C-alpha atoms as a PDB file:
ATOM      1  CA  MET A   1       0.000   0.000   0.000  1.00  0.00           C
ATOM      2  CA  ALA A   2       2.813   2.425   0.783  1.00  0.00           C
ATOM      3  CA  ALA A   3       4.111   2.104  -2.771  1.00  0.00           C
ATOM      4  CA  ARG A   4       0.712   3.103  -4.131  1.00  0.00           C
ATOM      5  CA  GLU A   5       0.305   6.093  -1.837  1.00  0.00           C
ATOM      6  CA  SER A   6       2.391   8.093  -4.297  1.00  0.00           C
ATOM      7  CA  LEU A   7      -0.658   7.955  -6.585  1.00  0.00           C
ATOM      8  CA  PHE A   8      -2.505  10.127  -4.073  1.00  0.00           C
ATOM      9  CA  THR A   9       0.069  12.904  -4.291  1.00  0.00           C
ATOM     10  CA  HIS A  10      -0.919  13.717  -7.864  1.00  0.00           C
ATOM     11  CA  PRO A  11      -2.578  17.171  -8.138  1.00  0.00           C
ATOM     12  CA  ARG A  12      -5.709  15.733  -9.771  1.00  0.00           C
ATOM     13  CA  PHE A  13      -6.731  14.224  -6.427  1.00  0.00           C
ATOM     14  CA  GLY A  14      -6.526  17.482  -4.502  1.00  0.00           C
ATOM     15  CA  ALA A  15      -4.974  18.298  -1.162  1.00  0.00           C
ATOM     16  CA  ALA A  16      -7.764  16.708   0.894  1.00  0.00           C
ATOM     17  CA  LEU A  17      -6.537  13.201   0.098  1.00  0.00           C
ATOM     18  CA  GLN A  18      -3.321  13.928   1.958  1.00  0.00           C
ATOM     19  CA  ASP A  19      -5.447  13.716   5.120  1.00  0.00           C
ATOM     20  CA  ILE A  20      -5.925   9.960   4.690  1.00  0.00           C
ATOM     21  CA  LEU A  21      -2.227   9.128   4.344  1.00  0.00           C
ATOM     22  CA  PRO A  22      -0.743   6.846   5.399  1.00  0.00           C
ATOM     23  CA  VAL A  23      -3.473   4.388   4.424  1.00  0.00           C
ATOM     24  CA  LEU A  24      -1.989   1.709   6.672  1.00  0.00           C
ATOM     25  CA  GLU A  25      -1.342   2.894  10.199  1.00  0.00           C
ATOM     26  CA  PRO A  26       2.221   2.071  11.251  1.00  0.00           C
ATOM     27  CA  GLY A  27       2.587  -0.434  14.077  1.00  0.00           C
ATOM     28  CA  ARG A  28      -0.871  -1.958  13.666  1.00  0.00           C
ATOM     29  CA  SER A  29      -1.681  -5.636  13.263  1.00  0.00           C
ATOM     30  CA  ASP A  30      -2.080  -7.283   9.880  1.00  0.00           C
ATOM     31  CA  SER A  31      -5.843  -7.432  10.474  1.00  0.00           C
ATOM     32  CA  ALA A  32      -5.980  -3.700  11.239  1.00  0.00           C
ATOM     33  CA  SER A  33      -3.959  -2.961   8.097  1.00  0.00           C
ATOM     34  CA  PHE A  34      -6.323  -5.109   6.052  1.00  0.00           C
ATOM     35  CA  ASP A  35      -9.272  -3.201   7.535  1.00  0.00           C
ATOM     36  CA  ASN A  36      -7.654   0.119   6.555  1.00  0.00           C
ATOM     37  CA  ALA A  37      -7.113  -1.058   2.971  1.00  0.00           C
ATOM     38  CA  LEU A  38     -10.642  -2.468   2.734  1.00  0.00           C
ATOM     39  CA  GLU A  39     -12.144   0.754   4.074  1.00  0.00           C
ATOM     40  CA  LEU A  40     -10.228   2.820   1.502  1.00  0.00           C
ATOM     41  CA  LEU A  41     -11.489   0.653  -1.361  1.00  0.00           C
ATOM     42  CA  VAL A  42     -15.113   0.668  -0.149  1.00  0.00           C
ATOM     43  CA  MET A  43     -15.164   4.378   0.701  1.00  0.00           C
ATOM     44  CA  SER A  44     -13.779   5.136  -2.777  1.00  0.00           C
ATOM     45  CA  GLY A  45     -16.905   3.633  -4.312  1.00  0.00           C
ATOM     46  CA  ARG A  46     -16.269  -0.079  -4.697  1.00  0.00           C
ATOM     47  CA  SER A  47     -18.790  -2.542  -3.318  1.00  0.00           C
ATOM     48  CA  LEU A  48     -17.707  -4.803  -0.459  1.00  0.00           C
ATOM     49  CA  PRO A  49     -17.566  -7.874  -2.740  1.00  0.00           C
ATOM     50  CA  HIS A  50     -15.519  -5.953  -5.341  1.00  0.00           C
ATOM     51  CA  ALA A  51     -13.047  -4.694  -2.734  1.00  0.00           C
ATOM     52  CA  LEU A  52     -12.702  -8.146  -1.185  1.00  0.00           C
ATOM     53  CA  MET A  53     -12.094  -9.733  -4.574  1.00  0.00           C
ATOM     54  CA  MET A  54      -9.319  -7.192  -5.115  1.00  0.00           C
ATOM     55  CA  LEU A  55      -7.708  -7.890  -1.748  1.00  0.00           C
ATOM     56  CA  ILE A  56      -8.253 -11.662  -1.566  1.00  0.00           C
ATOM     57  CA  PRO A  57      -8.562 -13.092  -5.077  1.00  0.00           C
ATOM     58  CA  GLU A  58      -9.435 -16.747  -5.338  1.00  0.00           C
ATOM     59  CA  SER A  59      -6.692 -18.981  -6.601  1.00  0.00           C
ATOM     60  CA  TRP A  60      -6.901 -20.542 -10.011  1.00  0.00           C
ATOM     61  CA  ASN A  61      -4.861 -23.033 -11.948  1.00  0.00           C
ATOM     62  CA  ASP A  62      -5.395 -26.028 -14.236  1.00  0.00           C
ATOM     63  CA  LYS A  63      -7.016 -27.979 -11.393  1.00  0.00           C
ATOM     64  CA  ASN A  64      -9.148 -25.024 -10.288  1.00  0.00           C
ATOM     65  CA  PRO A  65     -10.145 -23.151 -13.479  1.00  0.00           C
ATOM     66  CA  ILE A  66     -12.141 -19.913 -13.469  1.00  0.00           C
ATOM     67  CA  SER A  67     -14.051 -18.147 -16.236  1.00  0.00           C
ATOM     68  CA  PRO A  68     -12.137 -15.927 -18.670  1.00  0.00           C
ATOM     69  CA  GLU A  69     -14.104 -12.892 -17.385  1.00  0.00           C
ATOM     70  CA  LEU A  70     -13.162 -13.563 -13.763  1.00  0.00           C
ATOM     71  CA  LYS A  71      -9.545 -14.182 -14.742  1.00  0.00           C
ATOM     72  CA  ALA A  72      -9.524 -10.838 -16.591  1.00  0.00           C
ATOM     73  CA  PHE A  73     -10.980  -9.121 -13.483  1.00  0.00           C
ATOM     74  CA  TYR A  74      -8.204 -10.531 -11.295  1.00  0.00           C
ATOM     75  CA  GLU A  75      -5.463  -9.763 -13.815  1.00  0.00           C
ATOM     76  CA  TYR A  76      -6.653  -6.160 -14.202  1.00  0.00           C
ATOM     77  CA  HIS A  77      -6.844  -5.589 -10.452  1.00  0.00           C
ATOM     78  CA  ALA A  78      -3.449  -7.208  -9.880  1.00  0.00           C
ATOM     79  CA  CYS A  79      -2.017  -4.028 -11.442  1.00  0.00           C
ATOM     80  CA  ILE A  80      -3.670  -2.006  -8.670  1.00  0.00           C
ATOM     81  CA  MET A  81      -3.378  -4.270  -5.631  1.00  0.00           C
ATOM     82  CA  GLU A  82      -1.239  -7.260  -4.726  1.00  0.00           C
ATOM     83  CA  PRO A  83      -3.160 -10.129  -3.119  1.00  0.00           C
ATOM     84  CA  TRP A  84      -3.278  -9.843   0.659  1.00  0.00           C
ATOM     85  CA  ASP A  85      -1.218 -12.540   2.316  1.00  0.00           C
ATOM     86  CA  GLY A  86      -2.446 -11.990   5.836  1.00  0.00           C
ATOM     87  CA  PRO A  87      -5.003 -13.930   7.858  1.00  0.00           C
ATOM     88  CA  ALA A  88      -6.108 -17.228   6.343  1.00  0.00           C
ATOM     89  CA  SER A  89      -9.747 -16.953   7.402  1.00  0.00           C
ATOM     90  CA  MET A  90     -11.823 -13.791   7.213  1.00  0.00           C
ATOM     91  CA  VAL A  91     -15.499 -12.923   7.756  1.00  0.00           C
ATOM     92  CA  PHE A  92     -17.085  -9.643   6.618  1.00  0.00           C
ATOM     93  CA  CYS A  93     -20.410  -7.874   6.895  1.00  0.00           C
ATOM     94  CA  ASP A  94     -21.526  -4.417   5.817  1.00  0.00           C
ATOM     95  CA  GLY A  95     -25.206  -4.693   6.760  1.00  0.00           C
ATOM     96  CA  ARG A  96     -26.087  -5.952   3.297  1.00  0.00           C
ATOM     97  CA  TYR A  97     -23.541  -8.655   2.544  1.00  0.00           C
ATOM     98  CA  VAL A  98     -22.059 -11.342   4.748  1.00  0.00           C
ATOM     99  CA  THR A  99     -19.117 -13.126   3.203  1.00  0.00           C
ATOM    100  CA  GLY A 100     -15.964 -14.910   4.219  1.00  0.00           C
ATOM    101  CA  THR A 101     -12.943 -16.849   3.106  1.00  0.00           C
ATOM    102  CA  PRO A 102     -12.176 -20.400   4.141  1.00  0.00           C
ATOM    103  CA  ALA A 103      -9.299 -21.315   6.386  1.00  0.00           C
ATOM    104  CA  PHE A 104      -6.867 -23.587   4.584  1.00  0.00           C
ATOM    105  CA  THR A 105      -4.628 -25.881   6.551  1.00  0.00           C
END
């Protein structure tokens, strides 16, 4: 996230965006950092499912194929956000959606 904060210093975003930097609060847990990143994506207009798919994309390979459209979604967003490699199991709710990721062992 720190590498992408330089995008917010561009004049087209205005000075007000400087108030949200740094996006990830130093010294916080991985879960708190994830929450900060998720909040930024949702507050910038993405739906909770969209933001979560950006942060925690499902894996795909020959044994676990996905549709070409979904693969294109993940490839496009990989230019914006690296997959989060934090907690293995997550549960989310925004009052409309309840979703989660499985814990893999």
